[in-house]
Amino acid sequence: SDNPFNNTIWSNNLINGKNIFYLKNIQDTEFQLNETTGYVACGWCNNVTFRNANNLSNNSQAVLFYKTNASMVENITSFDNKEGIYLFYSGDNKIVNSTFRNNYDYGIYIDTNSLNNIIDTGIVYHNWDGIYINADGNNITKSNISKNRDTGPGFPNKGIRLYSNNNTVDNSNLTNNGGWATDAEIYIDFQNNKILNN
């Protein structure tokens, strides 16, 4: 059902004193954000670009794509959220030149039926898990993923967690993720994933 995401939020609302972009059924549009942007959500969108937000913080997700395709997030910084960015039923999107840090669940979360997304030139550090992918055919390239860990034992952390098939990680640096015996730079639980030139 679409109902949990089918809300109406007026544009004059603020979150943490900053502006909310809560958009539905938008296509072929580019948004230039800034330091006054506090939250971005796009549902049922196509070919939409969000650029240049450096202060997306203190949300459940700083950026949410729901049934949004062929769109892009570029040059954003997301921190102190539950998830830095969350893609749900959203495919063929790009996350480019963006930083996700100190998010207390996942820096980047690509979830159900979110196929063929690209994470390009990302900086992902000091999150619980750096990148969690629960959908097929996604690509992480030219990214730095480091120091994604918890402070105590019993909570296994990963730089990248792949719970899906046919994903590719290439030309990326993974360093100092985890820190306990059950932790790992990359955790793979399905098939036909490719780890290249890292």
Protein backbone atom coordinates (compact mmCIF):
# COMPACT_ATOMS: atom_id res chain seq x y z
CA SER A 1 0.00 0.00 0.00
CA ASP A 2 1.11 3.57 -0.73
CA ASN A 3 -0.87 5.03 2.17
CA PRO A 4 1.97 5.27 4.74
CA PHE A 5 3.80 7.68 2.40
CA ASN A 6 0.77 9.50 1.03
CA ASN A 7 0.76 12.48 3.38
CA THR A 8 0.31 16.20 2.83
CA ILE A 9 2.91 18.51 4.37
CA TRP A 10 2.59 22.22 3.63
CA SER A 11 5.71 23.99 2.42
CA ASN A 12 5.60 26.54 5.26
CA ASN A 13 6.39 23.83 7.83
CA LEU A 14 9.91 23.65 9.25
CA ILE A 15 11.94 20.83 10.74
CA ASN A 16 14.64 21.80 13.23
CA GLY A 17 14.10 25.35 12.01
CA LYS A 18 14.92 24.38 8.41
CA ASN A 19 12.92 23.94 5.22
CA ILE A 20 11.17 20.72 4.22
CA PHE A 21 11.07 19.42 0.65
CA TYR A 22 8.22 16.88 0.67
CA LEU A 23 7.39 16.29 -2.98
CA LYS A 24 5.10 13.96 -4.89
CA ASN A 25 4.68 13.22 -8.59
CA ILE A 26 7.45 15.58 -9.69
CA GLN A 27 9.40 14.94 -12.87
CA ASP A 28 12.16 16.53 -14.94
CA THR A 29 13.05 19.09 -12.25
CA GLU A 30 16.27 20.20 -10.55
CA PHE A 31 16.32 21.62 -7.02
CA GLN A 32 19.26 23.70 -5.77
CA LEU A 33 19.26 23.24 -2.02
CA ASN A 34 21.32 25.09 0.61
CA GLU A 35 22.18 25.16 4.31
CA THR A 36 18.56 26.03 5.20
CA THR A 37 17.31 22.67 3.84
CA GLY A 38 16.46 20.25 6.64
CA TYR A 39 14.70 17.32 4.97
CA VAL A 40 14.12 15.94 1.47
CA ALA A 41 11.47 13.38 0.48
CA CYS A 42 10.31 12.52 -3.02
CA GLY A 43 7.52 10.04 -3.74
CA TRP A 44 6.47 8.82 -7.17
CA CYS A 45 9.04 11.12 -8.81
CA ASN A 46 11.05 10.67 -12.00
CA ASN A 47 14.19 12.42 -13.26
CA VAL A 48 14.51 14.80 -10.30
CA THR A 49 17.84 16.15 -9.04
CA PHE A 50 18.64 17.52 -5.57
CA ARG A 51 21.96 19.35 -5.18
CA ASN A 52 23.99 21.18 -2.56
CA ALA A 53 22.63 20.63 0.94
CA ASN A 54 25.29 20.48 3.66
CA ASN A 55 23.21 20.42 6.83
CA LEU A 56 20.73 17.54 6.63
CA SER A 57 20.57 16.37 10.23
CA ASN A 58 18.42 15.13 13.13
CA ASN A 59 15.78 13.24 11.12
CA SER A 60 14.64 9.67 10.77
CA GLN A 61 15.95 9.82 7.19
CA ALA A 62 17.59 12.96 5.87
CA VAL A 63 16.68 12.00 2.29
CA LEU A 64 13.85 9.62 1.39
CA PHE A 65 13.06 8.31 -2.11
CA TYR A 66 9.87 6.29 -2.42
CA LYS A 67 8.89 4.90 -5.83
CA THR A 68 11.25 7.47 -7.28
CA ASN A 69 13.30 6.56 -10.34
CA ALA A 70 16.05 7.94 -12.59
CA SER A 71 16.80 10.71 -10.10
CA MET A 72 19.94 12.04 -8.43
CA VAL A 73 21.25 13.37 -5.14
CA GLU A 74 24.51 15.28 -5.53
CA ASN A 75 26.81 17.12 -3.15
CA ILE A 76 24.90 16.68 0.09
CA THR A 77 26.08 16.11 3.65
CA SER A 78 23.88 14.04 5.94
CA PHE A 79 24.66 13.47 9.62
CA ASP A 80 23.09 12.63 12.99
CA ASN A 81 20.06 10.93 11.42
CA LYS A 82 18.73 7.40 11.75
CA GLU A 83 19.57 6.87 8.07
CA GLY A 84 21.50 9.32 5.96
CA ILE A 85 19.53 8.41 2.84
CA TYR A 86 16.84 5.78 2.36
CA LEU A 87 15.72 4.40 -1.01
CA PHE A 88 12.53 2.30 -0.97
CA TYR A 89 11.02 0.86 -4.16
CA SER A 90 13.27 3.28 -6.07
CA GLY A 91 15.57 2.36 -8.95
CA ASP A 92 18.10 3.73 -11.43
CA ASN A 93 19.03 6.61 -9.13
CA LYS A 94 22.46 8.13 -8.46
CA ILE A 95 23.99 9.28 -5.18
CA VAL A 96 27.00 11.36 -6.20
CA ASN A 97 29.78 13.19 -4.36
CA SER A 98 27.99 13.12 -1.03
CA THR A 99 28.97 12.55 2.60
CA PHE A 100 27.11 10.44 5.17
CA ARG A 101 28.50 10.50 8.69
CA ASN A 102 27.46 9.85 12.28
CA ASN A 103 24.09 8.39 11.33
CA TYR A 104 23.07 6.02 14.08
CA ASP A 105 21.66 3.28 11.85
CA TYR A 106 22.92 3.32 8.23
CA GLY A 107 24.72 5.95 6.24
CA ILE A 108 23.06 4.73 3.04
CA TYR A 109 20.13 2.29 3.07
CA ILE A 110 18.93 0.83 -0.24
CA ASP A 111 15.89 -1.28 0.49
CA THR A 112 13.12 -3.34 -1.09
CA ASN A 113 12.98 -3.43 -4.91
CA SER A 114 15.39 -0.50 -5.23
CA LEU A 115 17.30 -1.81 -8.25
CA ASN A 116 20.27 -0.55 -10.24
CA ASN A 117 21.20 2.47 -8.16
CA ILE A 118 24.72 3.94 -8.25
CA ILE A 119 26.70 5.33 -5.30
CA ASP A 120 29.55 7.31 -6.88
CA THR A 121 32.33 9.14 -5.03
CA GLY A 122 30.71 8.83 -1.64
CA ILE A 123 32.29 9.46 1.75
CA VAL A 124 30.65 7.22 4.34
CA TYR A 125 32.06 7.16 7.86
CA HIS A 126 31.21 6.90 11.57
CA ASN A 127 27.79 5.32 10.95
CA TRP A 128 26.47 2.13 12.57
CA ASP A 129 26.75 0.38 9.20
CA GLY A 130 28.16 2.35 6.31
CA ILE A 131 26.03 1.06 3.44
CA TYR A 132 23.20 -1.49 3.71
CA ILE A 133 21.88 -2.89 0.42
CA ASN A 134 18.77 -5.07 0.47
CA ALA A 135 17.99 -4.93 -3.26
CA ASP A 136 19.64 -6.28 -6.40
CA GLY A 137 21.93 -4.82 -9.03
CA ASN A 138 23.33 -1.77 -7.23
CA ASN A 139 26.81 -0.34 -7.74
CA ILE A 140 29.21 1.32 -5.28
CA THR A 141 32.16 2.97 -6.99
CA LYS A 142 35.03 5.34 -6.15
CA SER A 143 33.87 5.71 -2.55
CA ASN A 144 35.61 5.95 0.82
CA ILE A 145 33.93 3.89 3.54
CA SER A 146 35.61 4.00 6.93
CA LYS A 147 35.21 3.77 10.69
CA ASN A 148 31.62 2.54 10.60
CA ARG A 149 31.36 0.84 13.97
CA ASP A 150 29.71 0.69 17.36
CA THR A 151 31.57 1.24 20.61
CA GLY A 152 30.87 -2.16 22.20
CA PRO A 153 30.85 -5.90 21.50
CA GLY A 154 27.75 -7.84 20.52
CA PHE A 155 26.61 -5.38 17.85
CA PRO A 156 28.32 -6.46 14.62
CA ASN A 157 29.03 -3.60 12.26
CA LYS A 158 30.00 -3.55 8.61
CA GLY A 159 31.42 -1.10 6.15
CA ILE A 160 29.09 -2.55 3.51
CA ARG A 161 26.33 -5.09 4.14
CA LEU A 162 24.96 -6.88 1.05
CA TYR A 163 21.73 -8.80 1.62
CA SER A 164 20.99 -9.10 -2.10
CA ASN A 165 22.28 -10.32 -5.45
CA ASN A 166 24.28 -8.95 -8.37
CA ASN A 167 25.70 -5.86 -6.69
CA THR A 168 29.14 -4.46 -7.51
CA VAL A 169 31.69 -2.71 -5.29
CA ASP A 170 34.62 -1.34 -7.28
CA ASN A 171 37.49 1.10 -6.92
CA SER A 172 36.54 1.97 -3.35
CA ASN A 173 38.49 2.19 -0.10
CA LEU A 174 37.19 0.35 2.95
CA THR A 175 39.18 0.92 6.13
CA ASN A 176 38.76 0.48 9.88
CA ASN A 177 35.14 -0.65 9.75
CA GLY A 178 33.87 -2.79 12.59
CA GLY A 179 36.42 -3.42 15.30
CA TRP A 180 35.12 -6.59 16.96
CA ALA A 181 35.47 -10.26 16.03
CA THR A 182 32.07 -10.41 14.34
CA ASP A 183 32.57 -7.20 12.36
CA ALA A 184 33.73 -6.90 8.76
CA GLU A 185 34.62 -4.47 6.00
CA ILE A 186 32.07 -6.19 3.70
CA TYR A 187 29.42 -8.74 4.65
CA ILE A 188 27.78 -10.71 1.81
CA ASP A 189 24.76 -12.98 2.35
CA PHE A 190 23.57 -13.65 -1.22
CA GLN A 191 24.96 -14.50 -4.67
CA ASN A 192 26.73 -13.08 -7.71
CA ASN A 193 28.02 -9.94 -6.03
CA LYS A 194 31.28 -8.55 -7.42
CA ILE A 195 34.07 -6.96 -5.37
CA LEU A 196 36.62 -5.41 -7.75
CA ASN A 197 39.78 -3.29 -7.43
CA ASN A 198 39.24 -2.17 -3.85
